[in-house]
């Protein structure tokens, strides 16, 4: 029999907070067994047990068959996702959405021969930031600053990527982007009339919509257009760490777009280094610009 133990806490996404009111909601689990002799998440389970120690929970899962360390990690993550979904019912989300946070620093796997394995290295770094160094010239924050905040707040890689990429999508659909590519459509007016005529002969509204959607396609690719808009905004380089600048390029923008397109595909994963080293510093430059010039995305 293979056994794993993992620890988790029940967190809340936020608290209700205004200038004259605050409120929070918390969730707790009962101790004891919760699954027995069942096929769960594709794994035959003989028994499970949950023990609470303050805010920390220890889940012990006994499998009928051996389970690899990779499968054990997958099981814990899937448990967190499914349990979080279950917790979202019958609760006022105004006070915060409960979710399960796995502590992989306390992950224990028991071999069939009785030997326990817990391979883990932990590093904690602390930096001191002086508040007086903060910028004081920022006007009222642009709405995209809040998207950046949500991206920083997200503890899930896909969620973090999605929230931050919304900033790039906002730049794509901005007024300044529309002004730059107003005359760069792929088809001439005569060709547009031909396409419209073909679309109007379609009895199916969905097919008609698909045909009409190509009218506004431009000569440039999506990555080329987004790069051009960023360059027009003065964002041509970024710094991931320290003062070493990395030039922005069409290929780099394409890499981000392709990662976005794969985001919701089954089995797809996000390269975390793409987030830390590219998406965060690029969107940070956009936010920096909007803090000093909230109308930067609006053409003169």
Protein backbone atom coordinates (compact mmCIF):
# COMPACT_ATOMS: atom_id res chain seq x y z
CA UNK A 1 0.00 0.00 0.00
CA UNK A 2 1.22 3.48 -0.81
CA UNK A 3 0.54 6.36 1.54
CA UNK A 4 0.92 10.11 1.12
CA UNK A 5 0.48 12.91 3.59
CA UNK A 6 0.05 16.51 2.57
CA UNK A 7 -0.73 19.64 4.51
CA UNK A 8 -3.02 22.45 3.48
CA UNK A 9 -4.79 25.51 4.79
CA UNK A 10 -8.17 27.01 3.98
CA UNK A 11 -7.66 30.54 2.70
CA UNK A 12 -9.99 33.31 1.63
CA UNK A 13 -9.39 35.32 -1.53
CA UNK A 14 -10.21 38.63 0.18
CA UNK A 15 -12.22 40.37 2.88
CA UNK A 16 -14.98 42.89 2.53
CA UNK A 17 -13.45 46.26 3.26
CA UNK A 18 -14.65 49.83 2.78
CA UNK A 19 -13.93 53.02 4.68
CA UNK A 20 -16.75 52.33 7.15
CA UNK A 21 -17.26 48.55 7.03
CA UNK A 22 -15.22 45.37 7.05
CA UNK A 23 -16.14 41.74 7.22
CA UNK A 24 -14.65 38.33 6.60
CA UNK A 25 -15.76 34.72 6.36
CA UNK A 26 -13.83 31.58 7.25
CA UNK A 27 -14.35 27.87 6.61
CA UNK A 28 -13.22 24.87 8.63
CA UNK A 29 -13.31 21.10 8.07
CA UNK A 30 -14.19 18.41 10.56
CA UNK A 31 -11.54 15.86 11.48
CA UNK A 32 -11.86 12.21 10.56
CA UNK A 33 -12.24 9.94 7.53
CA UNK A 34 -13.76 11.29 4.34
CA UNK A 35 -13.07 8.70 1.58
CA UNK A 36 -12.98 4.90 1.85
CA UNK A 37 -12.66 2.12 -0.73
CA UNK A 38 -13.39 4.35 -3.67
CA UNK A 39 -11.89 5.18 -7.05
CA UNK A 40 -11.18 8.89 -6.77
CA UNK A 41 -9.48 10.97 -9.47
CA UNK A 42 -8.56 7.72 -11.20
CA UNK A 43 -6.77 6.28 -8.16
CA UNK A 44 -8.11 3.37 -6.06
CA UNK A 45 -8.18 4.61 -2.47
CA UNK A 46 -8.56 2.39 0.60
CA UNK A 47 -8.88 5.11 3.24
CA UNK A 48 -8.30 8.77 3.98
CA UNK A 49 -8.12 10.81 7.13
CA UNK A 50 -8.02 14.48 7.99
CA UNK A 51 -6.52 16.01 11.11
CA UNK A 52 -6.71 19.69 11.98
CA UNK A 53 -4.10 21.54 13.99
CA UNK A 54 -5.12 25.17 14.25
CA UNK A 55 -5.24 26.53 10.69
CA UNK A 56 -3.18 23.64 9.29
CA UNK A 57 -4.75 20.39 8.04
CA UNK A 58 -2.94 17.11 7.49
CA UNK A 59 -4.54 14.79 4.93
CA UNK A 60 -3.45 11.14 4.93
CA UNK A 61 -4.35 9.11 1.84
CA UNK A 62 -3.82 5.37 1.54
CA UNK A 63 -3.82 4.00 -2.02
CA UNK A 64 -4.42 0.41 -3.07
CA UNK A 65 -1.52 0.61 -5.56
CA UNK A 66 1.86 2.28 -5.63
CA UNK A 67 1.79 5.91 -6.66
CA UNK A 68 4.65 7.97 -8.05
CA UNK A 69 5.72 11.29 -6.58
CA UNK A 70 4.41 13.04 -9.69
CA UNK A 71 1.01 11.38 -9.32
CA UNK A 72 0.96 12.21 -5.63
CA UNK A 73 1.54 15.89 -6.41
CA UNK A 74 -1.17 15.76 -9.08
CA UNK A 75 -3.57 14.15 -6.61
CA UNK A 76 -2.99 16.87 -4.02
CA UNK A 77 -3.44 19.65 -6.60
CA UNK A 78 -6.61 18.05 -7.99
CA UNK A 79 -7.93 17.64 -4.45
CA UNK A 80 -7.35 21.37 -3.89
CA UNK A 81 -9.16 22.32 -7.12
CA UNK A 82 -12.18 20.06 -6.59
CA UNK A 83 -12.52 20.96 -2.93
CA UNK A 84 -12.33 24.67 -3.74
CA UNK A 85 -15.19 24.20 -6.21
CA UNK A 86 -17.22 22.42 -3.52
CA UNK A 87 -16.56 25.24 -1.06
CA UNK A 88 -17.89 27.87 -3.48
CA UNK A 89 -21.51 26.86 -2.83
CA UNK A 90 -23.75 28.40 -0.15
CA UNK A 91 -21.42 31.25 0.71
CA UNK A 92 -21.59 35.00 0.24
CA UNK A 93 -18.53 35.71 -1.92
CA UNK A 94 -18.74 39.38 -0.99
CA UNK A 95 -16.75 38.40 2.11
CA UNK A 96 -14.21 36.34 0.18
CA UNK A 97 -14.00 33.09 -1.77
CA UNK A 98 -12.57 30.13 0.16
CA UNK A 99 -9.87 28.03 -1.46
CA UNK A 100 -7.46 25.24 -0.53
CA UNK A 101 -3.74 26.05 -0.46
CA UNK A 102 -1.38 23.07 -0.45
CA UNK A 103 1.86 23.37 1.53
CA UNK A 104 4.31 21.29 -0.51
CA UNK A 105 6.99 22.01 2.05
CA UNK A 106 5.23 19.41 4.20
CA UNK A 107 4.70 16.62 1.67
CA UNK A 108 5.30 13.04 2.82
CA UNK A 109 5.28 9.82 0.79
CA UNK A 110 5.45 6.34 2.30
CA UNK A 111 7.10 3.57 0.27
CA UNK A 112 5.69 0.07 0.23
CA UNK A 113 8.64 -1.17 2.29
CA UNK A 114 7.69 1.15 5.12
CA UNK A 115 10.35 3.78 4.41
CA UNK A 116 9.20 7.38 4.32
CA UNK A 117 10.36 9.92 1.77
CA UNK A 118 10.19 13.67 2.10
CA UNK A 119 12.54 15.35 -0.38
CA UNK A 120 12.26 19.11 -0.07
CA UNK A 121 14.52 22.14 0.01
CA UNK A 122 13.14 25.46 1.21
CA UNK A 123 14.56 28.95 0.68
CA UNK A 124 13.17 32.12 2.17
CA UNK A 125 14.54 35.50 1.16
CA UNK A 126 13.68 38.81 2.78
CA UNK A 127 14.17 42.22 1.23
CA UNK A 128 13.72 45.60 2.87
CA UNK A 129 11.93 48.31 0.88
CA UNK A 130 11.90 51.93 1.96
CA UNK A 131 8.45 53.47 1.72
CA UNK A 132 9.90 56.91 1.10
CA UNK A 133 11.25 55.57 -2.22
CA UNK A 134 7.74 55.00 -3.55
CA UNK A 135 6.58 57.26 -6.42
CA UNK A 136 4.43 60.14 -5.19
CA UNK A 137 3.53 61.69 -8.54
CA UNK A 138 1.00 59.02 -9.55
CA UNK A 139 -2.47 60.35 -10.30
CA UNK A 140 -5.65 58.29 -9.89
CA UNK A 141 -4.75 54.67 -10.80
CA UNK A 142 -5.84 53.46 -14.23
CA UNK A 143 -8.15 50.41 -14.23
CA UNK A 144 -5.32 48.30 -15.65
CA UNK A 145 -3.38 48.90 -12.45
CA UNK A 146 -6.05 46.80 -10.73
CA UNK A 147 -5.53 43.98 -13.27
CA UNK A 148 -1.85 44.06 -12.39
CA UNK A 149 -2.76 43.83 -8.71
CA UNK A 150 -4.95 40.78 -9.41
CA UNK A 151 -2.06 39.19 -11.30
CA UNK A 152 0.30 39.77 -8.39
CA UNK A 153 -2.32 38.41 -6.00
CA UNK A 154 -3.03 35.20 -7.93
CA UNK A 155 -1.37 32.09 -6.50
CA UNK A 156 -2.16 29.93 -9.53
CA UNK A 157 0.12 30.19 -12.57
CA UNK A 158 -2.67 30.12 -15.14
CA UNK A 159 -4.72 32.65 -13.22
CA UNK A 160 -1.69 34.90 -12.82
CA UNK A 161 -0.90 34.67 -16.53
CA UNK A 162 -4.51 35.36 -17.53
CA UNK A 163 -4.89 38.44 -15.32
CA UNK A 164 -1.62 39.93 -16.52
CA UNK A 165 -2.30 39.16 -20.17
CA UNK A 166 -5.57 41.10 -19.87
CA UNK A 167 -3.36 44.19 -19.74
CA UNK A 168 -1.87 43.33 -23.14
CA UNK A 169 -5.34 42.65 -24.55
CA UNK A 170 -6.51 46.03 -23.27
CA UNK A 171 -3.60 47.64 -25.11
CA UNK A 172 -4.58 45.71 -28.26
CA UNK A 173 -8.15 47.02 -28.18
CA UNK A 174 -7.27 50.53 -27.04
CA UNK A 175 -8.15 53.67 -28.92
CA UNK A 176 -4.52 54.30 -29.81
CA UNK A 177 -4.23 50.83 -31.35
CA UNK A 178 -7.34 51.41 -33.45
CA UNK A 179 -5.97 54.73 -34.66
CA UNK A 180 -2.63 53.18 -35.66
CA UNK A 181 -4.23 50.41 -37.74
CA UNK A 182 -7.35 52.21 -38.97
CA UNK A 183 -6.26 51.94 -42.61
CA UNK A 184 -4.31 48.73 -42.48
CA UNK A 185 -7.03 46.24 -43.31
CA UNK A 186 -6.16 43.29 -45.51
CA UNK A 187 -9.03 43.74 -48.00
CA UNK A 188 -9.88 46.67 -50.26
CA UNK A 189 -13.34 48.25 -50.17
CA UNK A 190 -14.30 46.37 -53.35
CA UNK A 191 -13.19 43.08 -51.83
CA UNK A 192 -15.11 43.84 -48.65
CA UNK A 193 -18.26 44.33 -50.72
CA UNK A 194 -17.73 40.94 -52.36
CA UNK A 195 -17.23 39.26 -48.98
CA UNK A 196 -20.35 40.97 -47.61
CA UNK A 197 -22.35 39.80 -50.61
CA UNK A 198 -21.26 36.18 -50.08
CA UNK A 199 -22.05 36.40 -46.35
CA UNK A 200 -25.53 37.78 -46.99
CA UNK A 201 -26.35 34.74 -49.13
CA UNK A 202 -25.78 32.45 -46.15
CA UNK A 203 -28.96 31.34 -44.42
CA UNK A 204 -27.10 30.32 -41.29
CA UNK A 205 -26.34 33.33 -39.07
CA UNK A 206 -23.31 31.66 -37.56
CA UNK A 207 -21.75 30.99 -40.97
CA UNK A 208 -22.56 34.55 -42.01
CA UNK A 209 -20.83 35.89 -38.90
CA UNK A 210 -17.72 33.80 -39.57
CA UNK A 211 -17.42 35.16 -43.10
CA UNK A 212 -17.99 38.76 -42.06
CA UNK A 213 -15.40 38.47 -39.28
CA UNK A 214 -12.55 38.31 -41.79
CA UNK A 215 -13.35 41.74 -43.22
CA UNK A 216 -11.51 43.57 -40.47
CA UNK A 217 -8.40 41.44 -40.61
CA UNK A 218 -5.25 43.43 -41.11
CA UNK A 219 -2.14 42.97 -43.18
CA UNK A 220 0.00 42.59 -40.08
CA UNK A 221 -0.09 39.66 -37.71
CA UNK A 222 -1.44 40.01 -34.18
CA UNK A 223 2.02 39.93 -32.66
CA UNK A 224 3.30 42.55 -35.10
CA UNK A 225 0.41 44.86 -34.33
CA UNK A 226 0.73 44.49 -30.56
CA UNK A 227 4.48 45.06 -30.76
CA UNK A 228 3.90 48.19 -32.86
CA UNK A 229 1.43 49.59 -30.33
CA UNK A 230 3.80 48.92 -27.42
CA UNK A 231 6.63 50.55 -29.35
CA UNK A 232 4.40 53.55 -30.06
CA UNK A 233 3.85 53.81 -26.31
CA UNK A 234 7.62 53.84 -25.81
CA UNK A 235 7.79 50.33 -24.40
CA UNK A 236 10.68 48.81 -26.35
CA UNK A 237 12.59 47.10 -23.52
CA UNK A 238 12.11 45.76 -20.02
CA UNK A 239 14.13 44.61 -17.00
CA UNK A 240 13.33 41.29 -15.38
CA UNK A 241 15.85 41.60 -12.53
CA UNK A 242 18.26 44.38 -11.77
CA UNK A 243 19.17 46.95 -14.41
CA UNK A 244 19.87 44.61 -17.34
CA UNK A 245 17.49 45.60 -20.13
CA UNK A 246 16.00 43.08 -22.55
CA UNK A 247 14.74 44.43 -25.89
CA UNK A 248 11.12 43.76 -26.73
CA UNK A 249 10.64 41.90 -30.02
CA UNK A 250 7.88 40.61 -32.26
CA UNK A 251 8.96 37.03 -31.52
CA UNK A 252 8.74 37.61 -27.78
CA UNK A 253 5.22 39.04 -28.14
CA UNK A 254 4.33 36.04 -30.30
CA UNK A 255 5.57 33.71 -27.55
CA UNK A 256 3.25 35.38 -25.05
CA UNK A 257 0.27 35.23 -27.43
CA UNK A 258 0.85 31.55 -28.19
CA UNK A 259 1.02 30.80 -24.46
CA UNK A 260 -2.27 32.66 -24.02
CA UNK A 261 -3.92 30.67 -26.80
CA UNK A 262 -2.89 27.40 -25.17
CA UNK A 263 -4.00 28.51 -21.72
CA UNK A 264 -7.30 26.65 -21.61
CA UNK A 265 -6.28 23.59 -23.61
CA UNK A 266 -6.45 20.31 -21.75
CA UNK A 267 -3.09 19.29 -20.42
CA UNK A 268 -1.45 22.57 -21.37
CA UNK A 269 0.92 24.21 -18.93
CA UNK A 270 2.39 27.66 -18.53
CA UNK A 271 6.13 28.18 -18.45
CA UNK A 272 6.57 29.96 -15.15
CA UNK A 273 9.78 31.60 -16.38
CA UNK A 274 7.70 33.22 -19.13
CA UNK A 275 5.64 34.85 -16.39
CA UNK A 276 8.46 35.91 -14.08
CA UNK A 277 10.97 36.94 -16.71
CA UNK A 278 8.79 38.41 -19.46
CA UNK A 279 5.08 38.93 -18.82
CA UNK A 280 5.42 40.57 -15.41
CA UNK A 281 8.16 43.05 -16.37
CA UNK A 282 6.44 43.95 -19.67
CA UNK A 283 3.04 44.60 -18.09
CA UNK A 284 4.81 46.40 -15.25
CA UNK A 285 6.17 48.88 -17.82
CA UNK A 286 2.64 49.43 -19.13
CA UNK A 287 1.35 50.10 -15.62
CA UNK A 288 4.28 52.44 -14.94
CA UNK A 289 3.35 54.42 -18.04
CA UNK A 290 -0.32 54.61 -17.06
CA UNK A 291 0.52 55.76 -13.54
CA UNK A 292 2.30 58.80 -14.96
CA UNK A 293 -0.02 59.27 -17.94
CA UNK A 294 -3.51 57.75 -17.48
CA UNK A 295 -4.46 58.88 -21.01
CA UNK A 296 -1.57 57.10 -22.72
CA UNK A 297 -3.89 54.65 -24.46
CA UNK A 298 -6.03 57.48 -25.85
CA UNK A 299 -4.71 59.20 -29.01
CA UNK A 300 -4.41 62.97 -29.08
